[in-house]
C-alpha atoms as a PDB file:
ATOM      1  CA  MET A   1       3.645 -12.128   6.058  1.00  0.00           C
ATOM      2  CA  ARG A   2       4.400 -13.371   9.075  1.00  0.00           C
ATOM      3  CA  LEU A   3       6.916 -15.668  10.179  1.00  0.00           C
ATOM      4  CA  SER A   4       4.542 -18.522  11.716  1.00  0.00           C
ATOM      5  CA  PRO A   5       5.102 -22.162  13.693  1.00  0.00           C
ATOM      6  CA  GLU A   6       4.970 -23.739  10.302  1.00  0.00           C
ATOM      7  CA  HIS A   7       8.488 -22.015   9.510  1.00  0.00           C
ATOM      8  CA  ARG A   8      11.414 -23.020  11.057  1.00  0.00           C
ATOM      9  CA  VAL A   9      13.854 -20.404  11.186  1.00  0.00           C
ATOM     10  CA  ALA A  10      17.492 -19.872  11.461  1.00  0.00           C
ATOM     11  CA  ILE A  11      18.403 -16.068  12.875  1.00  0.00           C
ATOM     12  CA  LEU A  12      21.500 -14.738  11.233  1.00  0.00           C
ATOM     13  CA  LEU A  13      22.839 -12.910  14.806  1.00  0.00           C
ATOM     14  CA  HIS A  14      26.496 -12.565  14.347  1.00  0.00           C
ATOM     15  CA  ASP A  15      27.768 -10.121  17.798  1.00  0.00           C
ATOM     16  CA  GLY A  16      24.113  -9.530  18.422  1.00  0.00           C
ATOM     17  CA  ILE A  17      23.599 -11.659  21.931  1.00  0.00           C
ATOM     18  CA  ARG A  18      26.442  -9.920  23.526  1.00  0.00           C
ATOM     19  CA  GLY A  19      26.492  -6.867  21.713  1.00  0.00           C
ATOM     20  CA  THR A  20      24.037  -4.228  21.821  1.00  0.00           C
ATOM     21  CA  GLN A  21      22.433  -4.349  17.775  1.00  0.00           C
ATOM     22  CA  GLY A  22      20.657  -7.923  18.135  1.00  0.00           C
ATOM     23  CA  LYS A  23      17.363  -6.584  19.561  1.00  0.00           C
ATOM     24  CA  THR A  24      15.401  -8.153  15.724  1.00  0.00           C
ATOM     25  CA  GLY A  25      16.710 -11.274  16.929  1.00  0.00           C
ATOM     26  CA  LEU A  26      16.616 -11.166  20.572  1.00  0.00           C
ATOM     27  CA  SER A  27      12.762 -10.274  20.117  1.00  0.00           C
ATOM     28  CA  LEU A  28      12.023 -13.017  17.822  1.00  0.00           C
ATOM     29  CA  LEU A  29      13.622 -15.534  19.842  1.00  0.00           C
ATOM     30  CA  ARG A  30      11.268 -13.875  23.645  1.00  0.00           C
ATOM     31  CA  TYR A  31       8.053 -13.400  21.044  1.00  0.00           C
ATOM     32  CA  SER A  32       7.952 -15.358  18.005  1.00  0.00           C
ATOM     33  CA  ASP A  33       5.676 -18.322  17.776  1.00  0.00           C
ATOM     34  CA  ALA A  34       7.697 -19.300  14.975  1.00  0.00           C
ATOM     35  CA  ASN A  35      10.122 -22.683  15.225  1.00  0.00           C
ATOM     36  CA  ILE A  36      13.654 -21.425  16.048  1.00  0.00           C
ATOM     37  CA  VAL A  37      15.800 -24.193  15.226  1.00  0.00           C
ATOM     38  CA  ALA A  38      19.362 -22.531  14.980  1.00  0.00           C
ATOM     39  CA  VAL A  39      20.822 -18.853  16.320  1.00  0.00           C
ATOM     40  CA  ILE A  40      23.774 -18.123  13.908  1.00  0.00           C
ATOM     41  CA  ASP A  41      26.428 -15.926  16.337  1.00  0.00           C
ATOM     42  CA  GLN A  42      30.003 -16.775  15.818  1.00  0.00           C
ATOM     43  CA  GLN A  43      30.785 -14.759  19.221  1.00  0.00           C
ATOM     44  CA  CYS A  44      28.833 -17.230  21.072  1.00  0.00           C
ATOM     45  CA  ALA A  45      28.822 -20.796  19.313  1.00  0.00           C
ATOM     46  CA  GLY A  46      28.168 -23.836  21.131  1.00  0.00           C
ATOM     47  CA  GLU A  47      27.174 -21.466  24.387  1.00  0.00           C
ATOM     48  CA  SER A  48      24.166 -21.969  26.257  1.00  0.00           C
ATOM     49  CA  LEU A  49      21.153 -19.714  25.107  1.00  0.00           C
ATOM     50  CA  PRO A  50      18.908 -19.630  27.669  1.00  0.00           C
ATOM     51  CA  ASP A  51      22.447 -18.936  30.194  1.00  0.00           C
ATOM     52  CA  LEU A  52      23.280 -16.131  28.101  1.00  0.00           C
ATOM     53  CA  THR A  53      19.800 -14.477  27.823  1.00  0.00           C
ATOM     54  CA  GLY A  54      17.498 -15.943  30.294  1.00  0.00           C
ATOM     55  CA  ILE A  55      15.521 -16.635  27.304  1.00  0.00           C
ATOM     56  CA  HIS A  56      13.573 -20.130  27.648  1.00  0.00           C
ATOM     57  CA  ARG A  57      14.883 -21.300  24.182  1.00  0.00           C
ATOM     58  CA  SER A  58      16.676 -24.475  23.275  1.00  0.00           C
ATOM     59  CA  ALA A  59      18.019 -23.683  19.964  1.00  0.00           C
ATOM     60  CA  PRO A  60      21.200 -24.212  19.544  1.00  0.00           C
ATOM     61  CA  ILE A  61      24.042 -21.524  18.845  1.00  0.00           C
ATOM     62  CA  VAL A  62      26.488 -22.028  15.500  1.00  0.00           C
ATOM     63  CA  ALA A  63      29.091 -20.229  14.018  1.00  0.00           C
ATOM     64  CA  SER A  64      27.463 -19.605  10.692  1.00  0.00           C
ATOM     65  CA  VAL A  65      25.008 -20.646   7.951  1.00  0.00           C
ATOM     66  CA  ALA A  66      26.942 -23.727   6.610  1.00  0.00           C
ATOM     67  CA  ASP A  67      26.405 -25.084  10.579  1.00  0.00           C
ATOM     68  CA  ALA A  68      22.785 -24.229  10.561  1.00  0.00           C
ATOM     69  CA  LEU A  69      22.150 -25.931   7.607  1.00  0.00           C
ATOM     70  CA  ALA A  70      22.419 -29.216   9.510  1.00  0.00           C
ATOM     71  CA  TYR A  71      19.124 -28.275  11.403  1.00  0.00           C
ATOM     72  CA  GLU A  72      17.133 -27.988   8.396  1.00  0.00           C
ATOM     73  CA  PRO A  73      15.728 -23.823   8.372  1.00  0.00           C
ATOM     74  CA  ASP A  74      13.417 -22.824   5.579  1.00  0.00           C
ATOM     75  CA  VAL A  75      13.688 -19.210   6.568  1.00  0.00           C
ATOM     76  CA  LEU A  76      16.877 -16.966   7.506  1.00  0.00           C
ATOM     77  CA  ALA A  77      16.062 -14.104   9.841  1.00  0.00           C
ATOM     78  CA  ILE A  78      18.236 -11.571   9.564  1.00  0.00           C
ATOM     79  CA  GLY A  79      18.296 -10.394  13.387  1.00  0.00           C
ATOM     80  CA  ILE A  80      20.500  -7.935  13.764  1.00  0.00           C
ATOM     81  CA  ALA A  81      19.452  -3.942  13.583  1.00  0.00           C
ATOM     82  CA  PRO A  82      23.208  -2.034  12.753  1.00  0.00           C
ATOM     83  CA  SER A  83      22.884   1.827  12.776  1.00  0.00           C
ATOM     84  CA  GLY A  84      21.359   2.830   9.500  1.00  0.00           C
ATOM     85  CA  GLY A  85      19.740  -0.364   8.761  1.00  0.00           C
ATOM     86  CA  VAL A  86      23.222  -1.196   6.424  1.00  0.00           C
ATOM     87  CA  LEU A  87      23.973  -4.702   5.286  1.00  0.00           C
ATOM     88  CA  PRO A  88      27.335  -5.567   6.439  1.00  0.00           C
ATOM     89  CA  GLU A  89      29.238  -6.819   3.314  1.00  0.00           C
ATOM     90  CA  ALA A  90      30.756  -9.979   5.662  1.00  0.00           C
ATOM     91  CA  TRP A  91      27.009 -11.099   5.453  1.00  0.00           C
ATOM     92  CA  ARG A  92      26.337 -11.345   2.065  1.00  0.00           C
ATOM     93  CA  GLN A  93      27.879 -14.508   1.243  1.00  0.00           C
ATOM     94  CA  GLU A  94      26.661 -16.379   4.593  1.00  0.00           C
ATOM     95  CA  ILE A  95      22.617 -14.831   2.869  1.00  0.00           C
ATOM     96  CA  GLN A  96      23.626 -16.016  -0.569  1.00  0.00           C
ATOM     97  CA  GLN A  97      24.888 -19.377   1.099  1.00  0.00           C
ATOM     98  CA  ALA A  98      21.043 -19.767   2.866  1.00  0.00           C
ATOM     99  CA  ILE A  99      19.559 -18.901  -0.247  1.00  0.00           C
ATOM    100  CA  ALA A 100      21.496 -21.398  -2.658  1.00  0.00           C
ATOM    101  CA  ALA A 101      20.185 -24.392   0.109  1.00  0.00           C
ATOM    102  CA  GLY A 102      16.552 -23.252  -0.650  1.00  0.00           C
ATOM    103  CA  ILE A 103      16.095 -21.143   2.171  1.00  0.00           C
ATOM    104  CA  SER A 104      13.519 -17.755   2.036  1.00  0.00           C
ATOM    105  CA  VAL A 105      14.931 -14.570   3.869  1.00  0.00           C
ATOM    106  CA  ALA A 106      13.267 -12.119   6.093  1.00  0.00           C
ATOM    107  CA  ASN A 107      15.172  -8.913   5.630  1.00  0.00           C
ATOM    108  CA  GLY A 108      14.823  -6.102   8.169  1.00  0.00           C
ATOM    109  CA  LEU A 109      17.042  -4.130   6.886  1.00  0.00           C
ATOM    110  CA  HIS A 110      17.499  -1.355   4.736  1.00  0.00           C
ATOM    111  CA  THR A 111      19.419  -3.036   2.077  1.00  0.00           C
ATOM    112  CA  PRO A 112      17.044  -4.422  -0.204  1.00  0.00           C
ATOM    113  CA  LEU A 113      17.922  -8.121  -1.371  1.00  0.00           C
ATOM    114  CA  ALA A 114      14.566  -9.301  -3.470  1.00  0.00           C
ATOM    115  CA  GLN A 115      15.906  -7.402  -7.088  1.00  0.00           C
ATOM    116  CA  ASP A 116      19.521  -7.938  -6.340  1.00  0.00           C
ATOM    117  CA  PRO A 117      20.156 -10.013  -9.518  1.00  0.00           C
ATOM    118  CA  GLU A 118      22.737 -12.132  -8.347  1.00  0.00           C
ATOM    119  CA  LEU A 119      20.338 -13.202  -5.605  1.00  0.00           C
ATOM    120  CA  LYS A 120      17.328 -13.499  -7.454  1.00  0.00           C
ATOM    121  CA  ALA A 121      18.623 -15.701  -9.487  1.00  0.00           C
ATOM    122  CA  LEU A 122      19.371 -18.147  -7.008  1.00  0.00           C
ATOM    123  CA  LEU A 123      15.757 -17.920  -5.997  1.00  0.00           C
ATOM    124  CA  ARG A 124      13.656 -21.305  -5.981  1.00  0.00           C
ATOM    125  CA  PRO A 125      10.024 -21.780  -6.976  1.00  0.00           C
ATOM    126  CA  GLU A 126       7.796 -21.194  -3.295  1.00  0.00           C
ATOM    127  CA  GLN A 127      11.427 -19.215  -2.351  1.00  0.00           C
ATOM    128  CA  TRP A 128      10.904 -15.910  -0.935  1.00  0.00           C
ATOM    129  CA  ILE A 129      12.749 -12.748   0.151  1.00  0.00           C
ATOM    130  CA  TRP A 130      10.888 -10.700   2.308  1.00  0.00           C
ATOM    131  CA  ASP A 131      12.390  -7.073   1.950  1.00  0.00           C
ATOM    132  CA  MET A 132       9.931  -5.551   4.849  1.00  0.00           C
ATOM    133  CA  ARG A 133      11.598  -2.236   5.036  1.00  0.00           C
ATOM    134  CA  GLN A 134       9.787  -0.789   2.105  1.00  0.00           C
ATOM    135  CA  GLU A 135       7.226   2.319   1.990  1.00  0.00           C
ATOM    136  CA  PRO A 136       3.592   1.371   1.772  1.00  0.00           C
ATOM    137  CA  THR A 137       1.933   2.764  -1.498  1.00  0.00           C
ATOM    138  CA  GLY A 138      -1.284   5.002  -1.081  1.00  0.00           C
ATOM    139  CA  LEU A 139       0.223   7.072   1.580  1.00  0.00           C
ATOM    140  CA  THR A 140      -0.876  10.733   2.578  1.00  0.00           C
ATOM    141  CA  VAL A 141       0.094  13.404   5.175  1.00  0.00           C
ATOM    142  CA  GLY A 142      -1.084  13.130   8.443  1.00  0.00           C
ATOM    143  CA  THR A 143      -4.856  14.772   9.250  1.00  0.00           C
ATOM    144  CA  GLY A 144      -5.262  13.884  12.786  1.00  0.00           C
ATOM    145  CA  ALA A 145      -8.085  11.828  11.946  1.00  0.00           C
ATOM    146  CA  ALA A 146      -6.851   8.973  14.685  1.00  0.00           C
ATOM    147  CA  ARG A 147      -7.945  10.868  17.248  1.00  0.00           C
ATOM    148  CA  SER A 148     -11.831  10.346  16.474  1.00  0.00           C
ATOM    149  CA  LEU A 149     -11.399   6.247  17.214  1.00  0.00           C
ATOM    150  CA  ASN A 150     -13.113   5.148  20.344  1.00  0.00           C
ATOM    151  CA  CYS A 151     -10.286   2.787  21.445  1.00  0.00           C
ATOM    152  CA  LEU A 152      -7.166   4.173  23.769  1.00  0.00           C
ATOM    153  CA  ARG A 153      -4.490   4.362  22.134  1.00  0.00           C
ATOM    154  CA  VAL A 154      -1.115   3.778  23.963  1.00  0.00           C
ATOM    155  CA  LEU A 155       2.173   4.900  22.372  1.00  0.00           C
ATOM    156  CA  LEU A 156       5.845   3.594  23.942  1.00  0.00           C
ATOM    157  CA  VAL A 157       7.877   6.422  24.021  1.00  0.00           C
ATOM    158  CA  GLY A 158      12.122   6.105  25.201  1.00  0.00           C
ATOM    159  CA  THR A 159      14.995   7.905  26.845  1.00  0.00           C
ATOM    160  CA  ASP A 160      17.080   6.424  23.643  1.00  0.00           C
ATOM    161  CA  MET A 161      16.789   3.981  21.034  1.00  0.00           C
ATOM    162  CA  SER A 162      16.756   0.201  22.070  1.00  0.00           C
ATOM    163  CA  VAL A 163      15.778   0.904  25.317  1.00  0.00           C
ATOM    164  CA  GLY A 164      12.906  -1.839  25.195  1.00  0.00           C
ATOM    165  CA  LYS A 165       9.910   0.010  23.997  1.00  0.00           C
ATOM    166  CA  MET A 166       8.784  -3.356  21.597  1.00  0.00           C
ATOM    167  CA  SER A 167       8.796  -5.478  24.483  1.00  0.00           C
ATOM    168  CA  THR A 168       6.754  -3.153  26.707  1.00  0.00           C
ATOM    169  CA  ALA A 169       4.237  -2.628  23.786  1.00  0.00           C
ATOM    170  CA  LEU A 170       4.220  -6.672  23.563  1.00  0.00           C
ATOM    171  CA  GLU A 171       3.876  -7.721  27.160  1.00  0.00           C
ATOM    172  CA  LEU A 172       0.662  -4.790  27.330  1.00  0.00           C
ATOM    173  CA  HIS A 173      -0.748  -6.388  24.370  1.00  0.00           C
ATOM    174  CA  GLN A 174      -0.300 -10.063  25.623  1.00  0.00           C
ATOM    175  CA  THR A 175      -1.890  -8.732  29.514  1.00  0.00           C
ATOM    176  CA  ALA A 176      -4.577  -6.710  27.945  1.00  0.00           C
ATOM    177  CA  LEU A 177      -5.913  -9.735  25.738  1.00  0.00           C
ATOM    178  CA  GLN A 178      -5.149 -12.205  29.029  1.00  0.00           C
ATOM    179  CA  ARG A 179      -8.141 -10.189  30.507  1.00  0.00           C
ATOM    180  CA  GLY A 180     -10.315 -10.119  28.035  1.00  0.00           C
ATOM    181  CA  PHE A 181      -9.929  -7.303  25.990  1.00  0.00           C
ATOM    182  CA  ARG A 182      -9.863  -6.388  22.566  1.00  0.00           C
ATOM    183  CA  ALA A 183      -6.229  -5.518  21.871  1.00  0.00           C
ATOM    184  CA  LYS A 184      -3.960  -4.985  19.210  1.00  0.00           C
ATOM    185  CA  PHE A 185      -0.161  -4.452  18.893  1.00  0.00           C
ATOM    186  CA  LEU A 186       0.257  -2.256  15.842  1.00  0.00           C
ATOM    187  CA  ALA A 187       4.351  -2.491  14.858  1.00  0.00           C
ATOM    188  CA  THR A 188       5.973  -0.130  13.097  1.00  0.00           C
ATOM    189  CA  GLY A 189       9.048  -1.549  12.861  1.00  0.00           C
ATOM    190  CA  GLN A 190      11.154  -4.717  11.282  1.00  0.00           C
ATOM    191  CA  ALA A 191      11.219  -6.942  14.520  1.00  0.00           C
ATOM    192  CA  GLY A 192       7.337  -5.907  14.937  1.00  0.00           C
ATOM    193  CA  MET A 193       6.194  -6.600  11.481  1.00  0.00           C
ATOM    194  CA  MET A 194       8.021 -10.193  11.593  1.00  0.00           C
ATOM    195  CA  LEU A 195       6.297 -10.690  14.953  1.00  0.00           C
ATOM    196  CA  ALA A 196       2.846  -9.247  13.851  1.00  0.00           C
ATOM    197  CA  GLY A 197       2.279 -10.225  10.480  1.00  0.00           C
ATOM    198  CA  ASP A 198       1.710  -6.211   9.754  1.00  0.00           C
ATOM    199  CA  GLY A 199       2.592  -3.091  10.131  1.00  0.00           C
ATOM    200  CA  ILE A 200       4.465  -0.487   8.449  1.00  0.00           C
ATOM    201  CA  PRO A 201       8.667   0.157   8.474  1.00  0.00           C
ATOM    202  CA  LEU A 202       8.082   3.617   9.618  1.00  0.00           C
ATOM    203  CA  ASP A 203      11.763   4.462   9.545  1.00  0.00           C
ATOM    204  CA  ALA A 204      11.558   3.701   5.503  1.00  0.00           C
ATOM    205  CA  VAL A 205       9.090   6.285   4.784  1.00  0.00           C
ATOM    206  CA  ARG A 206       9.417   9.419   3.854  1.00  0.00           C
ATOM    207  CA  VAL A 207       9.558  12.221   6.557  1.00  0.00           C
ATOM    208  CA  ASP A 208       6.105  13.845   4.779  1.00  0.00           C
ATOM    209  CA  PHE A 209       4.225  11.257   4.882  1.00  0.00           C
ATOM    210  CA  ALA A 210       5.244   9.189   7.784  1.00  0.00           C
ATOM    211  CA  SER A 211       2.662  10.794  10.223  1.00  0.00           C
ATOM    212  CA  GLY A 212       0.262  10.071   7.259  1.00  0.00           C
ATOM    213  CA  ALA A 213       1.748   6.259   7.286  1.00  0.00           C
ATOM    214  CA  VAL A 214       1.216   5.812  10.893  1.00  0.00           C
ATOM    215  CA  GLU A 215      -2.363   7.633  10.822  1.00  0.00           C
ATOM    216  CA  GLN A 216      -3.480   4.881   7.999  1.00  0.00           C
ATOM    217  CA  LEU A 217      -2.017   2.001  10.265  1.00  0.00           C
ATOM    218  CA  VAL A 218      -4.088   3.378  13.527  1.00  0.00           C
ATOM    219  CA  LEU A 219      -7.593   3.983  11.562  1.00  0.00           C
ATOM    220  CA  ARG A 220      -7.051   0.514   9.616  1.00  0.00           C
ATOM    221  CA  LEU A 221      -6.344  -1.486  12.967  1.00  0.00           C
ATOM    222  CA  GLY A 222      -7.966   0.270  15.855  1.00  0.00           C
ATOM    223  CA  ALA A 223     -11.593   0.638  14.483  1.00  0.00           C
ATOM    224  CA  ASP A 224     -12.921  -3.046  16.028  1.00  0.00           C
ATOM    225  CA  GLN A 225     -10.514  -2.506  19.197  1.00  0.00           C
ATOM    226  CA  ASP A 226     -10.924  -1.229  22.881  1.00  0.00           C
ATOM    227  CA  ILE A 227      -6.696  -0.424  22.907  1.00  0.00           C
ATOM    228  CA  VAL A 228      -4.201  -0.201  20.660  1.00  0.00           C
ATOM    229  CA  PHE A 229      -0.592  -0.398  21.605  1.00  0.00           C
ATOM    230  CA  VAL A 230       1.902   1.461  19.032  1.00  0.00           C
ATOM    231  CA  GLU A 231       5.181   0.352  19.243  1.00  0.00           C
ATOM    232  CA  GLY A 232       7.496   3.279  19.778  1.00  0.00           C
ATOM    233  CA  GLN A 233      10.587   4.010  17.515  1.00  0.00           C
ATOM    234  CA  GLY A 234      13.709   6.280  18.615  1.00  0.00           C
ATOM    235  CA  SER A 235      13.674   8.937  21.007  1.00  0.00           C
ATOM    236  CA  LEU A 236      12.987  12.756  21.446  1.00  0.00           C
ATOM    237  CA  LEU A 237      16.694  12.885  23.062  1.00  0.00           C
ATOM    238  CA  ASN A 238      18.239  11.234  20.361  1.00  0.00           C
ATOM    239  CA  PRO A 239      19.796  13.740  17.790  1.00  0.00           C
ATOM    240  CA  ALA A 240      20.133  10.317  15.516  1.00  0.00           C
ATOM    241  CA  SER A 241      16.199   9.978  15.537  1.00  0.00           C
ATOM    242  CA  THR A 242      13.393  11.423  13.379  1.00  0.00           C
ATOM    243  CA  ALA A 243      10.627   8.859  13.915  1.00  0.00           C
ATOM    244  CA  THR A 244       9.055   9.827  17.468  1.00  0.00           C
ATOM    245  CA  LEU A 245       7.227  12.769  16.592  1.00  0.00           C
ATOM    246  CA  PRO A 246       5.206  11.455  13.431  1.00  0.00           C
ATOM    247  CA  LEU A 247       4.349   8.508  15.830  1.00  0.00           C
ATOM    248  CA  LEU A 248       2.753  10.974  18.204  1.00  0.00           C
ATOM    249  CA  ARG A 249       1.174  12.834  15.581  1.00  0.00           C
ATOM    250  CA  GLY A 250      -0.387  10.047  13.944  1.00  0.00           C
ATOM    251  CA  SER A 251      -1.542   8.077  16.444  1.00  0.00           C
ATOM    252  CA  GLN A 252      -2.943  10.303  18.500  1.00  0.00           C
ATOM    253  CA  PRO A 253      -2.091   8.689  21.412  1.00  0.00           C
ATOM    254  CA  THR A 254      -4.137   8.484  24.528  1.00  0.00           C
ATOM    255  CA  HIS A 255      -1.613   7.536  26.638  1.00  0.00           C
ATOM    256  CA  LEU A 256       1.902   7.604  26.960  1.00  0.00           C
ATOM    257  CA  VAL A 257       4.135   5.114  28.986  1.00  0.00           C
ATOM    258  CA  LEU A 258       7.715   6.020  28.888  1.00  0.00           C
ATOM    259  CA  VAL A 259      10.412   3.403  28.620  1.00  0.00           C
ATOM    260  CA  HIS A 260      13.834   3.380  29.785  1.00  0.00           C
ATOM    261  CA  ARG A 261      17.221   1.773  30.452  1.00  0.00           C
ATOM    262  CA  ALA A 262      17.512   1.366  34.133  1.00  0.00           C
ATOM    263  CA  GLY A 263      21.135   3.806  34.864  1.00  0.00           C
ATOM    264  CA  GLN A 264      21.385   4.398  31.446  1.00  0.00           C
ATOM    265  CA  THR A 265      22.774   8.399  31.187  1.00  0.00           C
ATOM    266  CA  HIS A 266      23.675   9.468  28.330  1.00  0.00           C
ATOM    267  CA  ILE A 267      22.422   8.505  24.396  1.00  0.00           C
ATOM    268  CA  ARG A 268      24.305   5.237  23.620  1.00  0.00           C
ATOM    269  CA  ASN A 269      26.097   6.195  20.852  1.00  0.00           C
ATOM    270  CA  PHE A 270      26.346   9.767  21.563  1.00  0.00           C
ATOM    271  CA  ALA A 271      28.335  10.155  24.592  1.00  0.00           C
ATOM    272  CA  HIS A 272      27.732  14.012  24.513  1.00  0.00           C
ATOM    273  CA  VAL A 273      24.345  14.245  25.083  1.00  0.00           C
ATOM    274  CA  PRO A 274      22.808  13.054  28.793  1.00  0.00           C
ATOM    275  CA  ILE A 275      19.889  12.112  29.780  1.00  0.00           C
ATOM    276  CA  PRO A 276      17.582  14.399  31.734  1.00  0.00           C
ATOM    277  CA  PRO A 277      15.675  13.371  34.734  1.00  0.00           C
ATOM    278  CA  LEU A 278      12.799  11.203  34.233  1.00  0.00           C
ATOM    279  CA  ARG A 279      10.761  13.915  35.559  1.00  0.00           C
ATOM    280  CA  GLN A 280      11.932  16.084  32.454  1.00  0.00           C
ATOM    281  CA  VAL A 281      11.411  13.844  30.299  1.00  0.00           C
ATOM    282  CA  VAL A 282       8.001  13.271  30.924  1.00  0.00           C
ATOM    283  CA  GLU A 283       6.877  16.710  30.810  1.00  0.00           C
ATOM    284  CA  LEU A 284       8.800  17.058  27.268  1.00  0.00           C
ATOM    285  CA  TYR A 285       6.933  14.297  25.514  1.00  0.00           C
ATOM    286  CA  GLU A 286       3.999  15.573  27.698  1.00  0.00           C
ATOM    287  CA  THR A 287       4.397  18.966  26.272  1.00  0.00           C
ATOM    288  CA  VAL A 288       5.188  17.614  22.520  1.00  0.00           C
ATOM    289  CA  ALA A 289       2.401  15.171  22.526  1.00  0.00           C
ATOM    290  CA  THR A 290      -0.059  18.164  22.881  1.00  0.00           C
ATOM    291  CA  ALA A 291       1.746  20.811  20.517  1.00  0.00           C
ATOM    292  CA  GLY A 292       3.249  18.298  18.033  1.00  0.00           C
ATOM    293  CA  GLY A 293      -0.716  17.600  16.808  1.00  0.00           C
ATOM    294  CA  ALA A 294      -2.253  15.622  19.243  1.00  0.00           C
ATOM    295  CA  PHE A 295      -4.896  18.135  20.001  1.00  0.00           C
ATOM    296  CA  ALA A 296      -5.391  17.085  23.641  1.00  0.00           C
ATOM    297  CA  PRO A 297      -3.476  16.290  26.606  1.00  0.00           C
ATOM    298  CA  ALA A 298      -1.810  12.754  26.795  1.00  0.00           C
ATOM    299  CA  LYS A 299      -0.097  11.926  29.808  1.00  0.00           C
ATOM    300  CA  VAL A 300       2.679   9.606  30.453  1.00  0.00           C
ATOM    301  CA  VAL A 301       1.015   7.539  33.102  1.00  0.00           C
ATOM    302  CA  ALA A 302       3.543   4.736  33.738  1.00  0.00           C
ATOM    303  CA  ILE A 303       7.407   4.099  33.481  1.00  0.00           C
ATOM    304  CA  ALA A 304       8.619   0.965  32.044  1.00  0.00           C
ATOM    305  CA  LEU A 305      12.444  -0.129  33.351  1.00  0.00           C
ATOM    306  CA  ASN A 306      14.324  -2.060  31.414  1.00  0.00           C
ATOM    307  CA  THR A 307      16.637  -4.196  33.946  1.00  0.00           C
ATOM    308  CA  ALA A 308      17.649  -6.617  31.941  1.00  0.00           C
ATOM    309  CA  HIS A 309      21.159  -6.196  32.813  1.00  0.00           C
ATOM    310  CA  LEU A 310      20.642  -6.041  36.311  1.00  0.00           C
ATOM    311  CA  ASP A 311      20.332  -8.750  39.089  1.00  0.00           C
ATOM    312  CA  THR A 312      16.896  -8.868  40.869  1.00  0.00           C
ATOM    313  CA  ALA A 313      17.316  -7.154  44.011  1.00  0.00           C
ATOM    314  CA  THR A 314      19.135  -4.126  42.039  1.00  0.00           C
ATOM    315  CA  ALA A 315      16.394  -4.081  39.801  1.00  0.00           C
ATOM    316  CA  LYS A 316      13.921  -3.567  42.373  1.00  0.00           C
ATOM    317  CA  GLN A 317      15.905  -0.901  44.214  1.00  0.00           C
ATOM    318  CA  PHE A 318      16.021   0.764  40.495  1.00  0.00           C
ATOM    319  CA  ILE A 319      12.220   0.831  40.163  1.00  0.00           C
ATOM    320  CA  GLU A 320      11.284   1.716  43.573  1.00  0.00           C
ATOM    321  CA  GLN A 321      13.919   4.920  42.862  1.00  0.00           C
ATOM    322  CA  THR A 322      12.330   5.581  39.919  1.00  0.00           C
ATOM    323  CA  GLN A 323       8.637   5.408  41.315  1.00  0.00           C
ATOM    324  CA  GLN A 324       9.777   8.109  43.770  1.00  0.00           C
ATOM    325  CA  GLU A 325      11.506  10.311  41.660  1.00  0.00           C
ATOM    326  CA  THR A 326       8.755  10.498  38.965  1.00  0.00           C
ATOM    327  CA  GLY A 327       5.528   9.958  41.003  1.00  0.00           C
ATOM    328  CA  LEU A 328       4.125   7.592  38.477  1.00  0.00           C
ATOM    329  CA  PRO A 329       3.900   3.371  38.546  1.00  0.00           C
ATOM    330  CA  CYS A 330       6.954   1.676  37.112  1.00  0.00           C
ATOM    331  CA  THR A 331       7.983  -1.900  36.778  1.00  0.00           C
ATOM    332  CA  ASP A 332       9.739  -3.686  34.114  1.00  0.00           C
ATOM    333  CA  PRO A 333       7.326  -5.624  32.373  1.00  0.00           C
ATOM    334  CA  VAL A 334       8.964  -8.295  30.814  1.00  0.00           C
ATOM    335  CA  ARG A 335      10.810  -9.031  34.368  1.00  0.00           C
ATOM    336  CA  PHE A 336       7.680  -8.786  36.595  1.00  0.00           C
ATOM    337  CA  ARG A 337       4.611  -8.695  34.010  1.00  0.00           C
ATOM    338  CA  ALA A 338       3.153  -5.833  32.630  1.00  0.00           C
ATOM    339  CA  ASP A 339      -0.012  -5.711  35.113  1.00  0.00           C
ATOM    340  CA  LEU A 340       1.066  -2.725  36.500  1.00  0.00           C
ATOM    341  CA  LEU A 341       1.383  -0.593  33.592  1.00  0.00           C
ATOM    342  CA  LEU A 342      -1.938  -1.851  32.052  1.00  0.00           C
ATOM    343  CA  ASP A 343      -3.833  -0.683  35.557  1.00  0.00           C
ATOM    344  CA  ALA A 344      -2.261   2.720  35.079  1.00  0.00           C
ATOM    345  CA  ILE A 345      -3.282   3.227  32.075  1.00  0.00           C
ATOM    346  CA  LEU A 346      -7.153   1.626  32.695  1.00  0.00           C
ATOM    347  CA  GLY A 347      -7.344   4.009  35.532  1.00  0.00           C
ATOM    348  CA  ASP A 348      -6.400   7.125  33.441  1.00  0.00           C
ATOM    349  CA  ARG A 349      -9.447   7.559  31.327  1.00  0.00           C
END
């Protein structure tokens, strides 16, 4: 399943435009080819979406599902990614109201909805609830088999959660396609799955099978490609994150790209956990990639810097400073394109 141009989508995004947990909805706004007809955020209702986000979408921001009905959506996409992926109770009534109005639901939260008796009873023919955070069937443990593929395997790694790993992977994928490469974006989280229509919800997979799930994804989608871009999850630096090591083991990366939010000095939800100098983070990821089951050196070849919160002049200063500190190519791929990053990948073969 994928949110496609045929869908008229309303994004449930309360407090997600100005807050820190709206990455799923904002990613849909930036990258989805679905027809997004409304954004539901009570904090920003009536304001300009392009002015608030820099994303060139003309969708109105409304205060509630009831207000969104005037724009005739046929899908409600849950665009918030709260800690732990739990459905806030206050939203349940709005989701129920949408289903009662004949609207399908794309649900990327850990809280399952499709088998909820109350919600299920409201569904009409052709209406659906897509709970994407479900463990795939037929999983096995990882074996390192992805290293046998001929394609380049680029894994996005980060200094923290929600710093722009998926966006960087999508920008790289788009740039590679424009240059004529056979390229594939491999989604490992809910927003990526809504965009790609395929992938795995890695944080819903039992830890014993996590690297095997990544391996199966890479083997299935990478065999006929020149290059695959594997969406990163979490961070080795974040004490709440468990997803990065299975990604390293399962994808057997040939290249790593490190993603960092400019100016961030500590893990966002843990102020007592500092982010080391980026040169040390590079060394950490390269060491773990080799020792953690990649069986061959995988270098960090470039830095993707998230500068969305900075003006253009300051963003360029941070990029230059980061390039000097690490000795690696650096840019903001969303703001300034991903060509520099792709050149670094292709130049290190």
